[in-house]
Structures are given as structure tokens and as C-alpha cells.
Amino acid sequence: MRKIVFSCDAGMGSSAMGASILRKRMKAAGSDVTVVNTAISDIPDDADIVITHKTLTDRARQKAPNAEHISIDNFLKSPEYDVLVNRLT
């Protein structure tokens, strides 16, 4: 597991906030996994995990079919962050 991508429509709002939160948690846990944010249209080919709001997951799956996809309701407070940090550290 090397790269987690937060993705939203523009790649600058909610995904930037979510990426910042998870990046801090991963760093605090001692993980060197890269956490970035992008627009759905710009999801990189090397994304291992793509995190999107649940309404955008289908579009993200089309752009990055080989990545694992995680759907969330709230980029600021999501229980999936803790699950992911525990899983990857």
C-alpha cells in the first residue's frame, strides 16, 4: 500500500480537507503511505485506495477500476479513517 487518493469533483475542497486529516493520522501512526487529493478526472493510475463521498464512488470506480474504493459520508469526521489507519499500520 503506497498511495491513498481523496477525490471529489474539483479536487480542492472536501477532498483536500479529508486528505489533510488522514495524512496527519497516518503520520502520527508512523506510516509512510502517501495521501493526496485530486479531482475525480485526475485520479492517478498508481492509486491503491481511492476515497470519495458516497455519491461519487461510481464515477471514481470508472476512472480507477483497479484501486480499492472507500465511500464516506463526511470528509471531516469519518470512522473509516481510524479503520484505515489501524489496517495500514
PDB file of N, CA and C in Angstrom:
ATOM      1  N   MET A   1       0.850  -1.156   0.000  1.00  0.00           N
ATOM      2  CA  MET A   1       0.000   0.000   0.000  1.00  0.00           C
ATOM      3  C   MET A   1       0.899   1.222   0.000  1.00  0.00           C
ATOM      4  N   ARG A   2       0.783   2.018  -1.062  1.00  0.00           N
ATOM      5  CA  ARG A   2       1.681   3.159  -1.168  1.00  0.00           C
ATOM      6  C   ARG A   2       0.972   4.495  -1.320  1.00  0.00           C
ATOM      7  N   LYS A   3      -0.209   4.513  -1.959  1.00  0.00           N
ATOM      8  CA  LYS A   3      -0.850   5.799  -2.208  1.00  0.00           C
ATOM      9  C   LYS A   3      -2.353   5.737  -1.985  1.00  0.00           C
ATOM     10  N   ILE A   4      -2.828   6.682  -1.163  1.00  0.00           N
ATOM     11  CA  ILE A   4      -4.250   6.880  -0.924  1.00  0.00           C
ATOM     12  C   ILE A   4      -4.635   8.199  -1.573  1.00  0.00           C
ATOM     13  N   VAL A   5      -5.712   8.176  -2.351  1.00  0.00           N
ATOM     14  CA  VAL A   5      -6.160   9.376  -3.045  1.00  0.00           C
ATOM     15  C   VAL A   5      -7.567   9.740  -2.581  1.00  0.00           C
ATOM     16  N   PHE A   6      -7.715  10.958  -2.074  1.00  0.00           N
ATOM     17  CA  PHE A   6      -9.035  11.512  -1.797  1.00  0.00           C
ATOM     18  C   PHE A   6      -9.461  12.230  -3.053  1.00  0.00           C
ATOM     19  N   SER A   7     -10.690  12.008  -3.463  1.00  0.00           N
ATOM     20  CA  SER A   7     -11.136  12.609  -4.709  1.00  0.00           C
ATOM     21  C   SER A   7     -12.533  13.185  -4.576  1.00  0.00           C
ATOM     22  N   CYS A   8     -12.718  14.373  -5.170  1.00  0.00           N
ATOM     23  CA  CYS A   8     -14.030  14.999  -5.238  1.00  0.00           C
ATOM     24  C   CYS A   8     -14.163  15.629  -6.618  1.00  0.00           C
ATOM     25  N   ASP A   9     -15.238  16.335  -6.864  1.00  0.00           N
ATOM     26  CA  ASP A   9     -15.459  16.906  -8.195  1.00  0.00           C
ATOM     27  C   ASP A   9     -14.300  17.781  -8.648  1.00  0.00           C
ATOM     28  N   ALA A  10     -13.930  18.768  -7.834  1.00  0.00           N
ATOM     29  CA  ALA A  10     -12.884  19.710  -8.229  1.00  0.00           C
ATOM     30  C   ALA A  10     -11.509  19.345  -7.696  1.00  0.00           C
ATOM     31  N   GLY A  11     -11.457  18.534  -6.643  1.00  0.00           N
ATOM     32  CA  GLY A  11     -10.180  18.146  -6.072  1.00  0.00           C
ATOM     33  C   GLY A  11      -9.567  19.200  -5.176  1.00  0.00           C
ATOM     34  N   MET A  12     -10.342  20.193  -4.769  1.00  0.00           N
ATOM     35  CA  MET A  12      -9.764  21.268  -3.967  1.00  0.00           C
ATOM     36  C   MET A  12     -10.486  21.507  -2.645  1.00  0.00           C
ATOM     37  N   GLY A  13     -11.703  21.072  -2.506  1.00  0.00           N
ATOM     38  CA  GLY A  13     -12.477  21.379  -1.302  1.00  0.00           C
ATOM     39  C   GLY A  13     -12.477  20.243  -0.310  1.00  0.00           C
ATOM     40  N   SER A  14     -13.524  19.454  -0.358  1.00  0.00           N
ATOM     41  CA  SER A  14     -13.695  18.394   0.633  1.00  0.00           C
ATOM     42  C   SER A  14     -12.582  17.362   0.575  1.00  0.00           C
ATOM     43  N   SER A  15     -12.100  17.050  -0.610  1.00  0.00           N
ATOM     44  CA  SER A  15     -11.033  16.048  -0.692  1.00  0.00           C
ATOM     45  C   SER A  15      -9.738  16.573  -0.082  1.00  0.00           C
ATOM     46  N   ALA A  16      -9.476  17.856  -0.191  1.00  0.00           N
ATOM     47  CA  ALA A  16      -8.278  18.439   0.417  1.00  0.00           C
ATOM     48  C   ALA A  16      -8.360  18.357   1.939  1.00  0.00           C
ATOM     49  N   MET A  17      -9.548  18.617   2.488  1.00  0.00           N
ATOM     50  CA  MET A  17      -9.724  18.520   3.937  1.00  0.00           C
ATOM     51  C   MET A  17      -9.550  17.085   4.410  1.00  0.00           C
ATOM     52  N   GLY A  18     -10.189  16.149   3.723  1.00  0.00           N
ATOM     53  CA  GLY A  18     -10.073  14.744   4.112  1.00  0.00           C
ATOM     54  C   GLY A  18      -8.654  14.242   4.011  1.00  0.00           C
ATOM     55  N   ALA A  19      -7.957  14.601   2.941  1.00  0.00           N
ATOM     56  CA  ALA A  19      -6.569  14.169   2.766  1.00  0.00           C
ATOM     57  C   ALA A  19      -5.693  14.714   3.880  1.00  0.00           C
ATOM     58  N   SER A  20      -5.898  15.951   4.266  1.00  0.00           N
ATOM     59  CA  SER A  20      -5.114  16.554   5.338  1.00  0.00           C
ATOM     60  C   SER A  20      -5.323  15.821   6.662  1.00  0.00           C
ATOM     61  N   ILE A  21      -6.569  15.513   6.962  1.00  0.00           N
ATOM     62  CA  ILE A  21      -6.884  14.803   8.206  1.00  0.00           C
ATOM     63  C   ILE A  21      -6.237  13.422   8.213  1.00  0.00           C
ATOM     64  N   LEU A  22      -6.418  12.659   7.142  1.00  0.00           N
ATOM     65  CA  LEU A  22      -5.865  11.310   7.110  1.00  0.00           C
ATOM     66  C   LEU A  22      -4.340  11.342   7.068  1.00  0.00           C
ATOM     67  N   ARG A  23      -3.757  12.280   6.346  1.00  0.00           N
ATOM     68  CA  ARG A  23      -2.300  12.401   6.278  1.00  0.00           C
ATOM     69  C   ARG A  23      -1.715  12.583   7.683  1.00  0.00           C
ATOM     70  N   LYS A  24      -2.337  13.448   8.484  1.00  0.00           N
ATOM     71  CA  LYS A  24      -1.871  13.684   9.854  1.00  0.00           C
ATOM     72  C   LYS A  24      -1.999  12.423  10.700  1.00  0.00           C
ATOM     73  N   ARG A  25      -3.098  11.719  10.555  1.00  0.00           N
ATOM     74  CA  ARG A  25      -3.303  10.492  11.339  1.00  0.00           C
ATOM     75  C   ARG A  25      -2.313   9.403  10.932  1.00  0.00           C
ATOM     76  N   MET A  26      -2.059   9.291   9.645  1.00  0.00           N
ATOM     77  CA  MET A  26      -1.100   8.272   9.180  1.00  0.00           C
ATOM     78  C   MET A  26       0.308   8.607   9.674  1.00  0.00           C
ATOM     79  N   LYS A  27       0.668   9.866   9.610  1.00  0.00           N
ATOM     80  CA  LYS A  27       1.994  10.281  10.080  1.00  0.00           C
ATOM     81  C   LYS A  27       2.142  10.026  11.574  1.00  0.00           C
ATOM     82  N   ALA A  28       1.110  10.356  12.356  1.00  0.00           N
ATOM     83  CA  ALA A  28       1.139  10.121  13.797  1.00  0.00           C
ATOM     84  C   ALA A  28       1.267   8.635  14.124  1.00  0.00           C
ATOM     85  N   ALA A  29       0.745   7.790  13.245  1.00  0.00           N
ATOM     86  CA  ALA A  29       0.822   6.342  13.448  1.00  0.00           C
ATOM     87  C   ALA A  29       2.134   5.761  12.922  1.00  0.00           C
ATOM     88  N   GLY A  30       2.978   6.605  12.329  1.00  0.00           N
ATOM     89  CA  GLY A  30       4.269   6.144  11.843  1.00  0.00           C
ATOM     90  C   GLY A  30       4.242   5.556  10.446  1.00  0.00           C
ATOM     91  N   SER A  31       3.193   5.808   9.698  1.00  0.00           N
ATOM     92  CA  SER A  31       3.080   5.259   8.347  1.00  0.00           C
ATOM     93  C   SER A  31       3.672   6.229   7.330  1.00  0.00           C
ATOM     94  N   ASP A  32       4.277   5.665   6.288  1.00  0.00           N
ATOM     95  CA  ASP A  32       4.829   6.499   5.224  1.00  0.00           C
ATOM     96  C   ASP A  32       3.983   6.427   3.948  1.00  0.00           C
ATOM     97  N   VAL A  33       2.718   6.018   4.079  1.00  0.00           N
ATOM     98  CA  VAL A  33       1.808   5.973   2.941  1.00  0.00           C
ATOM     99  C   VAL A  33       1.546   7.407   2.470  1.00  0.00           C
ATOM    100  N   THR A  34       1.599   7.624   1.173  1.00  0.00           N
ATOM    101  CA  THR A  34       1.326   8.925   0.588  1.00  0.00           C
ATOM    102  C   THR A  34      -0.184   9.147   0.533  1.00  0.00           C
ATOM    103  N   VAL A  35      -0.631  10.312   0.982  1.00  0.00           N
ATOM    104  CA  VAL A  35      -2.044  10.677   0.940  1.00  0.00           C
ATOM    105  C   VAL A  35      -2.163  11.986   0.157  1.00  0.00           C
ATOM    106  N   VAL A  36      -2.897  11.947  -0.952  1.00  0.00           N
ATOM    107  CA  VAL A  36      -3.059  13.131  -1.804  1.00  0.00           C
ATOM    108  C   VAL A  36      -4.531  13.355  -2.103  1.00  0.00           C
ATOM    109  N   ASN A  37      -4.832  14.510  -2.688  1.00  0.00           N
ATOM    110  CA  ASN A  37      -6.201  14.783  -3.120  1.00  0.00           C
ATOM    111  C   ASN A  37      -6.193  15.223  -4.579  1.00  0.00           C
ATOM    112  N   THR A  38      -7.243  14.829  -5.297  1.00  0.00           N
ATOM    113  CA  THR A  38      -7.365  15.164  -6.714  1.00  0.00           C
ATOM    114  C   THR A  38      -8.837  15.294  -7.088  1.00  0.00           C
ATOM    115  N   ALA A  39      -9.057  15.825  -8.275  1.00  0.00           N
ATOM    116  CA  ALA A  39     -10.373  15.755  -8.886  1.00  0.00           C
ATOM    117  C   ALA A  39     -10.569  14.323  -9.384  1.00  0.00           C
ATOM    118  N   ILE A  40     -11.791  13.895  -9.496  1.00  0.00           N
ATOM    119  CA  ILE A  40     -12.050  12.531  -9.974  1.00  0.00           C
ATOM    120  C   ILE A  40     -11.415  12.308 -11.347  1.00  0.00           C
ATOM    121  N   SER A  41     -11.468  13.296 -12.194  1.00  0.00           N
ATOM    122  CA  SER A  41     -10.894  13.148 -13.537  1.00  0.00           C
ATOM    123  C   SER A  41      -9.376  13.025 -13.530  1.00  0.00           C
ATOM    124  N   ASP A  42      -8.737  13.336 -12.389  1.00  0.00           N
ATOM    125  CA  ASP A  42      -7.278  13.306 -12.300  1.00  0.00           C
ATOM    126  C   ASP A  42      -6.739  12.217 -11.374  1.00  0.00           C
ATOM    127  N   ILE A  43      -7.555  11.241 -11.003  1.00  0.00           N
ATOM    128  CA  ILE A  43      -7.071  10.173 -10.130  1.00  0.00           C
ATOM    129  C   ILE A  43      -5.893   9.486 -10.821  1.00  0.00           C
ATOM    130  N   PRO A  44      -4.741   9.411 -10.143  1.00  0.00           N
ATOM    131  CA  PRO A  44      -3.569   8.808 -10.783  1.00  0.00           C
ATOM    132  C   PRO A  44      -3.698   7.288 -10.915  1.00  0.00           C
ATOM    133  N   ASP A  45      -3.011   6.759 -11.907  1.00  0.00           N
ATOM    134  CA  ASP A  45      -3.047   5.316 -12.161  1.00  0.00           C
ATOM    135  C   ASP A  45      -2.448   4.499 -11.022  1.00  0.00           C
ATOM    136  N   ASP A  46      -1.567   5.108 -10.221  1.00  0.00           N
ATOM    137  CA  ASP A  46      -0.912   4.358  -9.154  1.00  0.00           C
ATOM    138  C   ASP A  46      -1.638   4.445  -7.814  1.00  0.00           C
ATOM    139  N   ALA A  47      -2.894   4.896  -7.825  1.00  0.00           N
ATOM    140  CA  ALA A  47      -3.678   4.957  -6.590  1.00  0.00           C
ATOM    141  C   ALA A  47      -4.008   3.540  -6.119  1.00  0.00           C
ATOM    142  N   ASP A  48      -3.674   3.264  -4.868  1.00  0.00           N
ATOM    143  CA  ASP A  48      -4.022   1.965  -4.283  1.00  0.00           C
ATOM    144  C   ASP A  48      -5.419   1.998  -3.680  1.00  0.00           C
ATOM    145  N   ILE A  49      -5.734   3.116  -3.019  1.00  0.00           N
ATOM    146  CA  ILE A  49      -7.048   3.312  -2.405  1.00  0.00           C
ATOM    147  C   ILE A  49      -7.564   4.670  -2.839  1.00  0.00           C
ATOM    148  N   VAL A  50      -8.830   4.725  -3.233  1.00  0.00           N
ATOM    149  CA  VAL A  50      -9.482   5.987  -3.584  1.00  0.00           C
ATOM    150  C   VAL A  50     -10.643   6.186  -2.620  1.00  0.00           C
ATOM    151  N   ILE A  51     -10.647   7.344  -1.968  1.00  0.00           N
ATOM    152  CA  ILE A  51     -11.709   7.679  -1.021  1.00  0.00           C
ATOM    153  C   ILE A  51     -12.530   8.812  -1.609  1.00  0.00           C
ATOM    154  N   THR A  52     -13.842   8.598  -1.695  1.00  0.00           N
ATOM    155  CA  THR A  52     -14.748   9.604  -2.236  1.00  0.00           C
ATOM    156  C   THR A  52     -16.007   9.668  -1.389  1.00  0.00           C
ATOM    157  N   HIS A  53     -16.740  10.754  -1.580  1.00  0.00           N
ATOM    158  CA  HIS A  53     -18.070  10.806  -0.992  1.00  0.00           C
ATOM    159  C   HIS A  53     -18.894   9.725  -1.674  1.00  0.00           C
ATOM    160  N   LYS A  54     -19.821   9.145  -0.946  1.00  0.00           N
ATOM    161  CA  LYS A  54     -20.573   8.008  -1.472  1.00  0.00           C
ATOM    162  C   LYS A  54     -21.301   8.319  -2.774  1.00  0.00           C
ATOM    163  N   THR A  55     -21.632   9.577  -3.023  1.00  0.00           N
ATOM    164  CA  THR A  55     -22.324   9.923  -4.269  1.00  0.00           C
ATOM    165  C   THR A  55     -21.391   9.959  -5.476  1.00  0.00           C
ATOM    166  N   LEU A  56     -20.089   9.904  -5.235  1.00  0.00           N
ATOM    167  CA  LEU A  56     -19.108  10.000  -6.327  1.00  0.00           C
ATOM    168  C   LEU A  56     -18.347   8.702  -6.579  1.00  0.00           C
ATOM    169  N   THR A  57     -18.605   7.696  -5.781  1.00  0.00           N
ATOM    170  CA  THR A  57     -17.823   6.463  -5.872  1.00  0.00           C
ATOM    171  C   THR A  57     -17.940   5.783  -7.229  1.00  0.00           C
ATOM    172  N   ASP A  58     -19.114   5.744  -7.805  1.00  0.00           N
ATOM    173  CA  ASP A  58     -19.263   5.084  -9.110  1.00  0.00           C
ATOM    174  C   ASP A  58     -18.408   5.755 -10.174  1.00  0.00           C
ATOM    175  N   ARG A  59     -18.374   7.079 -10.171  1.00  0.00           N
ATOM    176  CA  ARG A  59     -17.519   7.794 -11.136  1.00  0.00           C
ATOM    177  C   ARG A  59     -16.044   7.505 -10.888  1.00  0.00           C
ATOM    178  N   ALA A  60     -15.651   7.445  -9.622  1.00  0.00           N
ATOM    179  CA  ALA A  60     -14.254   7.159  -9.296  1.00  0.00           C
ATOM    180  C   ALA A  60     -13.873   5.746  -9.715  1.00  0.00           C
ATOM    181  N   ARG A  61     -14.785   4.810  -9.558  1.00  0.00           N
ATOM    182  CA  ARG A  61     -14.501   3.420  -9.972  1.00  0.00           C
ATOM    183  C   ARG A  61     -14.258   3.335 -11.478  1.00  0.00           C
ATOM    184  N   GLN A  62     -14.961   4.136 -12.246  1.00  0.00           N
ATOM    185  CA  GLN A  62     -14.754   4.150 -13.701  1.00  0.00           C
ATOM    186  C   GLN A  62     -13.373   4.694 -14.039  1.00  0.00           C
ATOM    187  N   LYS A  63     -12.917   5.685 -13.294  1.00  0.00           N
ATOM    188  CA  LYS A  63     -11.607   6.301 -13.554  1.00  0.00           C
ATOM    189  C   LYS A  63     -10.461   5.435 -13.043  1.00  0.00           C
ATOM    190  N   ALA A  64     -10.667   4.746 -11.926  1.00  0.00           N
ATOM    191  CA  ALA A  64      -9.610   3.932 -11.314  1.00  0.00           C
ATOM    192  C   ALA A  64     -10.154   2.548 -10.966  1.00  0.00           C
ATOM    193  N   PRO A  65     -10.394   1.720 -11.978  1.00  0.00           N
ATOM    194  CA  PRO A  65     -11.033   0.423 -11.728  1.00  0.00           C
ATOM    195  C   PRO A  65     -10.184  -0.571 -10.932  1.00  0.00           C
ATOM    196  N   ASN A  66      -8.885  -0.386 -10.887  1.00  0.00           N
ATOM    197  CA  ASN A  66      -8.017  -1.334 -10.193  1.00  0.00           C
ATOM    198  C   ASN A  66      -7.744  -0.963  -8.744  1.00  0.00           C
ATOM    199  N   ALA A  67      -8.190   0.200  -8.327  1.00  0.00           N
ATOM    200  CA  ALA A  67      -7.966   0.642  -6.954  1.00  0.00           C
ATOM    201  C   ALA A  67      -9.072   0.116  -6.038  1.00  0.00           C
ATOM    202  N   GLU A  68      -8.763   0.046  -4.754  1.00  0.00           N
ATOM    203  CA  GLU A  68      -9.790  -0.214  -3.753  1.00  0.00           C
ATOM    204  C   GLU A  68     -10.534   1.098  -3.531  1.00  0.00           C
ATOM    205  N   HIS A  69     -11.841   1.050  -3.415  1.00  0.00           N
ATOM    206  CA  HIS A  69     -12.628   2.267  -3.241  1.00  0.00           C
ATOM    207  C   HIS A  69     -13.330   2.254  -1.894  1.00  0.00           C
ATOM    208  N   ILE A  70     -13.237   3.389  -1.213  1.00  0.00           N
ATOM    209  CA  ILE A  70     -13.902   3.571   0.071  1.00  0.00           C
ATOM    210  C   ILE A  70     -14.847   4.751  -0.063  1.00  0.00           C
ATOM    211  N   SER A  71     -16.104   4.538   0.276  1.00  0.00           N
ATOM    212  CA  SER A  71     -17.126   5.582   0.216  1.00  0.00           C
ATOM    213  C   SER A  71     -17.379   6.108   1.616  1.00  0.00           C
ATOM    214  N   ILE A  72     -17.416   7.429   1.744  1.00  0.00           N
ATOM    215  CA  ILE A  72     -17.681   8.031   3.047  1.00  0.00           C
ATOM    216  C   ILE A  72     -18.808   9.049   2.932  1.00  0.00           C
ATOM    217  N   ASP A  73     -19.372   9.396   4.089  1.00  0.00           N
ATOM    218  CA  ASP A  73     -20.448  10.387   4.148  1.00  0.00           C
ATOM    219  C   ASP A  73     -19.920  11.775   4.496  1.00  0.00           C
ATOM    220  N   ASN A  74     -18.840  11.825   5.262  1.00  0.00           N
ATOM    221  CA  ASN A  74     -18.362  13.088   5.806  1.00  0.00           C
ATOM    222  C   ASN A  74     -16.832  13.111   5.759  1.00  0.00           C
ATOM    223  N   PHE A  75     -16.267  14.014   4.988  1.00  0.00           N
ATOM    224  CA  PHE A  75     -14.817  14.093   4.865  1.00  0.00           C
ATOM    225  C   PHE A  75     -14.151  14.560   6.155  1.00  0.00           C
ATOM    226  N   LEU A  76     -14.858  15.277   7.010  1.00  0.00           N
ATOM    227  CA  LEU A  76     -14.251  15.795   8.229  1.00  0.00           C
ATOM    228  C   LEU A  76     -14.247  14.797   9.378  1.00  0.00           C
ATOM    229  N   LYS A  77     -15.292  14.020   9.490  1.00  0.00           N
ATOM    230  CA  LYS A  77     -15.402  13.059  10.592  1.00  0.00           C
ATOM    231  C   LYS A  77     -15.913  11.743  10.040  1.00  0.00           C
ATOM    232  N   SER A  78     -15.003  10.855   9.750  1.00  0.00           N
ATOM    233  CA  SER A  78     -15.408   9.564   9.209  1.00  0.00           C
ATOM    234  C   SER A  78     -14.750   8.442   9.999  1.00  0.00           C
ATOM    235  N   PRO A  79     -15.531   7.489  10.481  1.00  0.00           N
ATOM    236  CA  PRO A  79     -14.944   6.362  11.213  1.00  0.00           C
ATOM    237  C   PRO A  79     -14.024   5.517  10.334  1.00  0.00           C
ATOM    238  N   GLU A  80     -14.179   5.612   9.022  1.00  0.00           N
ATOM    239  CA  GLU A  80     -13.328   4.850   8.117  1.00  0.00           C
ATOM    240  C   GLU A  80     -11.867   5.256   8.224  1.00  0.00           C
ATOM    241  N   TYR A  81     -11.588   6.491   8.633  1.00  0.00           N
ATOM    242  CA  TYR A  81     -10.199   6.944   8.778  1.00  0.00           C
ATOM    243  C   TYR A  81      -9.473   6.099   9.818  1.00  0.00           C
ATOM    244  N   ASP A  82     -10.105   5.925  10.994  1.00  0.00           N
ATOM    245  CA  ASP A  82      -9.476   5.129  12.048  1.00  0.00           C
ATOM    246  C   ASP A  82      -9.288   3.682  11.621  1.00  0.00           C
ATOM    247  N   VAL A  83     -10.301   3.135  10.956  1.00  0.00           N
ATOM    248  CA  VAL A  83     -10.205   1.757  10.458  1.00  0.00           C
ATOM    249  C   VAL A  83      -9.034   1.627   9.487  1.00  0.00           C
ATOM    250  N   LEU A  84      -8.893   2.586   8.593  1.00  0.00           N
ATOM    251  CA  LEU A  84      -7.825   2.542   7.597  1.00  0.00           C
ATOM    252  C   LEU A  84      -6.457   2.702   8.247  1.00  0.00           C
ATOM    253  N   VAL A  85      -6.310   3.619   9.172  1.00  0.00           N
ATOM    254  CA  VAL A  85      -5.031   3.810   9.876  1.00  0.00           C
ATOM    255  C   VAL A  85      -4.658   2.525  10.607  1.00  0.00           C
ATOM    256  N   ASN A  86      -5.606   1.924  11.315  1.00  0.00           N
ATOM    257  CA  ASN A  86      -5.318   0.677  12.022  1.00  0.00           C
ATOM    258  C   ASN A  86      -4.947  -0.449  11.058  1.00  0.00           C
ATOM    259  N   ARG A  87      -5.604  -0.504   9.943  1.00  0.00           N
ATOM    260  CA  ARG A  87      -5.334  -1.546   8.966  1.00  0.00           C
ATOM    261  C   ARG A  87      -3.946  -1.416   8.332  1.00  0.00           C
ATOM    262  N   LEU A  88      -3.506  -0.188   8.108  1.00  0.00           N
ATOM    263  CA  LEU A  88      -2.262   0.030   7.364  1.00  0.00           C
ATOM    264  C   LEU A  88      -1.033   0.238   8.238  1.00  0.00           C
ATOM    265  N   THR A  89      -1.222   0.249   9.565  1.00  0.00           N
ATOM    266  CA  THR A  89      -0.047   0.421  10.432  1.00  0.00           C
ATOM    267  C   THR A  89       0.152  -0.774  11.318  1.00  0.00           C
TER     268      THR A  89
END
